[in-house]
Amino acid sequence: MTKNTMQKKSQLAKLLATENIEVLENQVQTASFDVVNRILTIPIFKEEHKSDNVYDMLVGHEVSHALHTPSDSWKDMANRSKEFKSFVNVIEDARIDKLIQKKYPGLKNDYLKGFDKMYKDNFFGTKGKDIKRDYALIDKINLYYKSSKRLDFNFTSKEKILVDAVDKCKTFDDVLKLSEEILGYC
């Protein structure tokens, strides 16, 4: 990203987050937000993978963590298993994506086009795989919500109840409870 573009994305992130968060571009796999130190990190994409929609979607997503993911609750999970934390991350991502798009409806188009670009570029590692058969439930939930519910997974009736419960998560505590339930089901 050019220095000028990075400055614009940094300003956008700070405006959306309504705080003076730090925004970095780094050689990382994916975007992230450090909820304790208040640092948003954007990956450096290869030229063929660059897209304004992807950048804006990632900024919106990470800003939503800044606005809605409680840092104390995340720190409280230090002793939990890596598997549990990954379930929490998937469900929390679905919750905060819904919240940021509700707060800033202009991001919806970036989410749609950004996901399409990332999916086409095999960002999620789906090429050559049968996503309906080869993926665990939590991975299906992740892709289902990242695609804005456009990927069809033919969830079983029990899975559909769990998937619908993701939509109903209002708080981080709801996310923790549902993560326990889905992990137990899996």
C-alpha atoms as a PDB file:
ATOM      1  CA  MET A   1       0.000   0.000   0.000  1.00  0.00           C
ATOM      2  CA  THR A   2       1.376   3.434  -0.778  1.00  0.00           C
ATOM      3  CA  LYS A   3       2.202   5.693   2.140  1.00  0.00           C
ATOM      4  CA  ASN A   4      -0.663   8.022   1.132  1.00  0.00           C
ATOM      5  CA  THR A   5      -3.165   5.156   0.943  1.00  0.00           C
ATOM      6  CA  MET A   6      -1.986   3.802   4.301  1.00  0.00           C
ATOM      7  CA  GLN A   7      -2.474   7.234   5.863  1.00  0.00           C
ATOM      8  CA  LYS A   8      -6.034   7.344   4.493  1.00  0.00           C
ATOM      9  CA  LYS A   9      -6.826   3.839   5.811  1.00  0.00           C
ATOM     10  CA  SER A  10      -5.333   4.805   9.169  1.00  0.00           C
ATOM     11  CA  GLN A  11      -7.507   7.926   9.320  1.00  0.00           C
ATOM     12  CA  LEU A  12     -10.574   5.890   8.335  1.00  0.00           C
ATOM     13  CA  ALA A  13      -9.866   3.339  11.072  1.00  0.00           C
ATOM     14  CA  LYS A  14      -9.452   6.048  13.716  1.00  0.00           C
ATOM     15  CA  LEU A  15     -12.666   7.773  12.648  1.00  0.00           C
ATOM     16  CA  LEU A  16     -14.687   4.567  12.675  1.00  0.00           C
ATOM     17  CA  ALA A  17     -13.185   3.430  15.984  1.00  0.00           C
ATOM     18  CA  THR A  18     -13.747   6.896  17.502  1.00  0.00           C
ATOM     19  CA  GLU A  19     -10.358   6.669  19.210  1.00  0.00           C
ATOM     20  CA  ASN A  20      -6.717   7.194  18.344  1.00  0.00           C
ATOM     21  CA  ILE A  21      -5.866   3.549  17.629  1.00  0.00           C
ATOM     22  CA  GLU A  22      -2.515   2.706  16.087  1.00  0.00           C
ATOM     23  CA  VAL A  23      -2.686   1.314  12.547  1.00  0.00           C
ATOM     24  CA  LEU A  24       0.210  -0.696  11.114  1.00  0.00           C
ATOM     25  CA  GLU A  25       0.837  -2.442   7.819  1.00  0.00           C
ATOM     26  CA  ASN A  26       2.936  -5.549   8.375  1.00  0.00           C
ATOM     27  CA  GLN A  27       4.025  -8.858   6.852  1.00  0.00           C
ATOM     28  CA  VAL A  28       1.235 -10.905   8.520  1.00  0.00           C
ATOM     29  CA  GLN A  29      -1.209 -13.581   7.287  1.00  0.00           C
ATOM     30  CA  THR A  30      -4.351 -11.597   8.064  1.00  0.00           C
ATOM     31  CA  ALA A  31      -5.573  -8.413   9.671  1.00  0.00           C
ATOM     32  CA  SER A  32      -5.850  -8.280  13.450  1.00  0.00           C
ATOM     33  CA  PHE A  33      -6.713  -5.975  16.299  1.00  0.00           C
ATOM     34  CA  ASP A  34      -4.902  -6.103  19.616  1.00  0.00           C
ATOM     35  CA  VAL A  35      -7.775  -5.276  21.990  1.00  0.00           C
ATOM     36  CA  VAL A  36      -5.399  -4.577  24.897  1.00  0.00           C
ATOM     37  CA  ASN A  37      -2.781  -2.373  23.195  1.00  0.00           C
ATOM     38  CA  ARG A  38      -5.259  -0.908  20.655  1.00  0.00           C
ATOM     39  CA  ILE A  39      -3.217  -1.729  17.533  1.00  0.00           C
ATOM     40  CA  LEU A  40      -4.839  -2.581  14.186  1.00  0.00           C
ATOM     41  CA  THR A  41      -2.551  -4.492  11.837  1.00  0.00           C
ATOM     42  CA  ILE A  42      -3.236  -4.799   8.101  1.00  0.00           C
ATOM     43  CA  PRO A  43      -1.318  -7.327   5.966  1.00  0.00           C
ATOM     44  CA  ILE A  44       0.869  -6.320   3.057  1.00  0.00           C
ATOM     45  CA  PHE A  45      -0.826  -7.929   0.067  1.00  0.00           C
ATOM     46  CA  LYS A  46       0.858  -8.942  -3.161  1.00  0.00           C
ATOM     47  CA  GLU A  47      -0.069  -6.666  -6.044  1.00  0.00           C
ATOM     48  CA  GLU A  48      -2.530  -9.146  -7.594  1.00  0.00           C
ATOM     49  CA  HIS A  49      -4.406  -9.502  -4.283  1.00  0.00           C
ATOM     50  CA  LYS A  50      -4.816  -5.797  -3.528  1.00  0.00           C
ATOM     51  CA  SER A  51      -8.336  -4.419  -3.409  1.00  0.00           C
ATOM     52  CA  ASP A  52      -9.910  -1.331  -1.836  1.00  0.00           C
ATOM     53  CA  ASN A  53     -12.929  -3.449  -0.889  1.00  0.00           C
ATOM     54  CA  VAL A  54     -10.717  -5.960   0.931  1.00  0.00           C
ATOM     55  CA  TYR A  55      -8.843  -3.227   2.798  1.00  0.00           C
ATOM     56  CA  ASP A  56     -12.064  -1.453   3.797  1.00  0.00           C
ATOM     57  CA  MET A  57     -13.671  -4.733   4.867  1.00  0.00           C
ATOM     58  CA  LEU A  58     -10.625  -5.618   6.979  1.00  0.00           C
ATOM     59  CA  VAL A  59     -10.481  -2.150   8.525  1.00  0.00           C
ATOM     60  CA  GLY A  60     -14.220  -2.291   9.292  1.00  0.00           C
ATOM     61  CA  HIS A  61     -13.877  -5.746  10.820  1.00  0.00           C
ATOM     62  CA  GLU A  62     -10.918  -4.865  13.029  1.00  0.00           C
ATOM     63  CA  VAL A  63     -12.470  -1.547  14.066  1.00  0.00           C
ATOM     64  CA  SER A  64     -15.517  -3.499  15.154  1.00  0.00           C
ATOM     65  CA  HIS A  65     -13.252  -5.483  17.470  1.00  0.00           C
ATOM     66  CA  ALA A  66     -12.028  -2.131  18.827  1.00  0.00           C
ATOM     67  CA  LEU A  67     -15.609  -1.041  19.440  1.00  0.00           C
ATOM     68  CA  HIS A  68     -17.238  -4.278  20.587  1.00  0.00           C
ATOM     69  CA  THR A  69     -14.753  -6.910  21.822  1.00  0.00           C
ATOM     70  CA  PRO A  70     -14.053  -6.403  25.523  1.00  0.00           C
ATOM     71  CA  SER A  71     -10.320  -6.620  26.240  1.00  0.00           C
ATOM     72  CA  ASP A  72     -10.808  -7.889  29.807  1.00  0.00           C
ATOM     73  CA  SER A  73     -12.992 -10.784  28.664  1.00  0.00           C
ATOM     74  CA  TRP A  74     -10.434 -11.794  26.046  1.00  0.00           C
ATOM     75  CA  LYS A  75      -7.635 -11.697  28.640  1.00  0.00           C
ATOM     76  CA  ASP A  76      -9.763 -13.882  30.962  1.00  0.00           C
ATOM     77  CA  MET A  77      -9.490 -16.690  28.400  1.00  0.00           C
ATOM     78  CA  ALA A  78      -5.711 -17.021  28.825  1.00  0.00           C
ATOM     79  CA  ASN A  79      -6.040 -20.473  30.417  1.00  0.00           C
ATOM     80  CA  ARG A  80      -8.566 -21.795  27.905  1.00  0.00           C
ATOM     81  CA  SER A  81      -7.619 -24.254  25.152  1.00  0.00           C
ATOM     82  CA  LYS A  82      -6.466 -23.061  21.745  1.00  0.00           C
ATOM     83  CA  GLU A  83      -9.445 -24.895  20.235  1.00  0.00           C
ATOM     84  CA  PHE A  84     -11.933 -23.054  22.463  1.00  0.00           C
ATOM     85  CA  LYS A  85     -10.302 -19.710  21.638  1.00  0.00           C
ATOM     86  CA  SER A  86     -10.610 -20.450  17.908  1.00  0.00           C
ATOM     87  CA  PHE A  87     -14.338 -21.182  18.325  1.00  0.00           C
ATOM     88  CA  VAL A  88     -14.761 -17.933  20.263  1.00  0.00           C
ATOM     89  CA  ASN A  89     -12.885 -16.050  17.548  1.00  0.00           C
ATOM     90  CA  VAL A  90     -15.166 -17.374  14.781  1.00  0.00           C
ATOM     91  CA  ILE A  91     -18.378 -16.579  16.634  1.00  0.00           C
ATOM     92  CA  GLU A  92     -17.113 -13.217  17.871  1.00  0.00           C
ATOM     93  CA  ASP A  93     -16.153 -12.323  14.289  1.00  0.00           C
ATOM     94  CA  ALA A  94     -19.702 -13.060  13.130  1.00  0.00           C
ATOM     95  CA  ARG A  95     -21.127 -10.945  15.981  1.00  0.00           C
ATOM     96  CA  ILE A  96     -18.891  -7.941  15.430  1.00  0.00           C
ATOM     97  CA  ASP A  97     -19.263  -8.027  11.617  1.00  0.00           C
ATOM     98  CA  LYS A  98     -23.016  -7.744  12.043  1.00  0.00           C
ATOM     99  CA  LEU A  99     -22.587  -4.843  14.474  1.00  0.00           C
ATOM    100  CA  ILE A 100     -20.196  -2.801  12.302  1.00  0.00           C
ATOM    101  CA  GLN A 101     -22.357  -3.225   9.203  1.00  0.00           C
ATOM    102  CA  LYS A 102     -25.385  -2.089  11.181  1.00  0.00           C
ATOM    103  CA  LYS A 103     -23.496   0.967  12.474  1.00  0.00           C
ATOM    104  CA  TYR A 104     -21.927   1.754   9.082  1.00  0.00           C
ATOM    105  CA  PRO A 105     -24.204   0.310   6.343  1.00  0.00           C
ATOM    106  CA  GLY A 106     -21.856   1.580   3.643  1.00  0.00           C
ATOM    107  CA  LEU A 107     -19.456  -1.225   4.601  1.00  0.00           C
ATOM    108  CA  LYS A 108     -21.898  -3.943   3.450  1.00  0.00           C
ATOM    109  CA  ASN A 109     -20.769  -3.639  -0.160  1.00  0.00           C
ATOM    110  CA  ASP A 110     -17.120  -3.813   0.912  1.00  0.00           C
ATOM    111  CA  TYR A 111     -17.877  -6.989   2.857  1.00  0.00           C
ATOM    112  CA  LEU A 112     -19.561  -8.603  -0.149  1.00  0.00           C
ATOM    113  CA  LYS A 113     -16.938  -7.615  -2.720  1.00  0.00           C
ATOM    114  CA  GLY A 114     -14.051  -8.057  -0.284  1.00  0.00           C
ATOM    115  CA  PHE A 115     -15.075 -11.626   0.548  1.00  0.00           C
ATOM    116  CA  ASP A 116     -15.590 -12.433  -3.142  1.00  0.00           C
ATOM    117  CA  LYS A 117     -12.068 -11.194  -3.948  1.00  0.00           C
ATOM    118  CA  MET A 118     -10.503 -13.080  -1.053  1.00  0.00           C
ATOM    119  CA  TYR A 119     -12.421 -16.270  -1.905  1.00  0.00           C
ATOM    120  CA  LYS A 120     -11.396 -16.014  -5.573  1.00  0.00           C
ATOM    121  CA  ASP A 121      -7.761 -15.489  -4.491  1.00  0.00           C
ATOM    122  CA  ASN A 122      -7.980 -18.630  -2.288  1.00  0.00           C
ATOM    123  CA  PHE A 123      -7.287 -16.630   0.873  1.00  0.00           C
ATOM    124  CA  PHE A 124      -9.299 -19.187   2.878  1.00  0.00           C
ATOM    125  CA  GLY A 125      -7.549 -22.214   1.331  1.00  0.00           C
ATOM    126  CA  THR A 126     -10.741 -23.630  -0.179  1.00  0.00           C
ATOM    127  CA  LYS A 127      -9.500 -24.326  -3.704  1.00  0.00           C
ATOM    128  CA  GLY A 128      -9.746 -27.991  -4.586  1.00  0.00           C
ATOM    129  CA  LYS A 129     -11.746 -28.819  -1.462  1.00  0.00           C
ATOM    130  CA  ASP A 130     -15.373 -29.752  -1.024  1.00  0.00           C
ATOM    131  CA  ILE A 131     -16.359 -27.136   1.545  1.00  0.00           C
ATOM    132  CA  LYS A 132     -19.589 -28.993   2.323  1.00  0.00           C
ATOM    133  CA  ARG A 133     -17.789 -32.258   3.143  1.00  0.00           C
ATOM    134  CA  ASP A 134     -14.181 -31.464   4.007  1.00  0.00           C
ATOM    135  CA  TYR A 135     -14.785 -28.820   6.665  1.00  0.00           C
ATOM    136  CA  ALA A 136     -15.633 -29.048  10.365  1.00  0.00           C
ATOM    137  CA  LEU A 137     -18.775 -27.279  11.579  1.00  0.00           C
ATOM    138  CA  ILE A 138     -16.896 -24.300  13.037  1.00  0.00           C
ATOM    139  CA  ASP A 139     -15.056 -23.771   9.726  1.00  0.00           C
ATOM    140  CA  LYS A 140     -18.360 -23.912   7.846  1.00  0.00           C
ATOM    141  CA  ILE A 141     -19.829 -21.360  10.255  1.00  0.00           C
ATOM    142  CA  ASN A 142     -16.784 -19.149   9.693  1.00  0.00           C
ATOM    143  CA  LEU A 143     -17.085 -19.219   5.895  1.00  0.00           C
ATOM    144  CA  TYR A 144     -20.876 -18.930   6.015  1.00  0.00           C
ATOM    145  CA  TYR A 145     -20.737 -15.689   7.987  1.00  0.00           C
ATOM    146  CA  LYS A 146     -17.660 -14.317   6.186  1.00  0.00           C
ATOM    147  CA  SER A 147     -19.574 -14.799   2.913  1.00  0.00           C
ATOM    148  CA  SER A 148     -22.500 -12.808   4.353  1.00  0.00           C
ATOM    149  CA  LYS A 149     -24.453 -16.081   4.436  1.00  0.00           C
ATOM    150  CA  ARG A 150     -24.103 -16.610   0.677  1.00  0.00           C
ATOM    151  CA  LEU A 151     -22.249 -19.944   0.724  1.00  0.00           C
ATOM    152  CA  ASP A 152     -24.620 -22.899   0.928  1.00  0.00           C
ATOM    153  CA  PHE A 153     -23.543 -25.602   3.361  1.00  0.00           C
ATOM    154  CA  ASN A 154     -26.751 -27.647   3.739  1.00  0.00           C
ATOM    155  CA  PHE A 155     -26.437 -27.679   7.533  1.00  0.00           C
ATOM    156  CA  THR A 156     -28.170 -30.546   9.343  1.00  0.00           C
ATOM    157  CA  SER A 157     -31.188 -29.589  11.461  1.00  0.00           C
ATOM    158  CA  LYS A 158     -29.064 -29.591  14.669  1.00  0.00           C
ATOM    159  CA  GLU A 159     -26.289 -27.609  12.962  1.00  0.00           C
ATOM    160  CA  LYS A 160     -28.866 -25.111  11.668  1.00  0.00           C
ATOM    161  CA  ILE A 161     -29.993 -24.473  15.258  1.00  0.00           C
ATOM    162  CA  LEU A 162     -26.385 -23.743  16.245  1.00  0.00           C
ATOM    163  CA  VAL A 163     -25.798 -21.577  13.154  1.00  0.00           C
ATOM    164  CA  ASP A 164     -28.962 -19.592  13.893  1.00  0.00           C
ATOM    165  CA  ALA A 165     -27.776 -19.160  17.490  1.00  0.00           C
ATOM    166  CA  VAL A 166     -24.687 -17.354  16.165  1.00  0.00           C
ATOM    167  CA  ASP A 167     -27.030 -14.680  14.785  1.00  0.00           C
ATOM    168  CA  LYS A 168     -28.594 -14.274  18.208  1.00  0.00           C
ATOM    169  CA  CYS A 169     -25.335 -13.509  20.045  1.00  0.00           C
ATOM    170  CA  LYS A 170     -25.657  -9.984  21.408  1.00  0.00           C
ATOM    171  CA  THR A 171     -22.797  -9.926  23.925  1.00  0.00           C
ATOM    172  CA  PHE A 172     -19.358 -11.442  24.334  1.00  0.00           C
ATOM    173  CA  ASP A 173     -20.797 -13.598  27.131  1.00  0.00           C
ATOM    174  CA  ASP A 174     -23.305 -14.970  24.605  1.00  0.00           C
ATOM    175  CA  VAL A 175     -20.351 -15.804  22.351  1.00  0.00           C
ATOM    176  CA  LEU A 176     -18.576 -17.669  25.156  1.00  0.00           C
ATOM    177  CA  LYS A 177     -21.669 -19.727  26.014  1.00  0.00           C
ATOM    178  CA  LEU A 178     -22.356 -20.631  22.396  1.00  0.00           C
ATOM    179  CA  SER A 179     -18.693 -21.514  21.822  1.00  0.00           C
ATOM    180  CA  GLU A 180     -18.923 -24.013  24.684  1.00  0.00           C
ATOM    181  CA  GLU A 181     -22.091 -25.481  23.194  1.00  0.00           C
ATOM    182  CA  ILE A 182     -20.716 -25.813  19.658  1.00  0.00           C
ATOM    183  CA  LEU A 183     -17.402 -27.194  20.904  1.00  0.00           C
ATOM    184  CA  GLY A 184     -19.334 -29.762  22.948  1.00  0.00           C
ATOM    185  CA  TYR A 185     -21.410 -30.697  19.889  1.00  0.00           C
ATOM    186  CA  CYS A 186     -18.306 -31.114  17.742  1.00  0.00           C
END
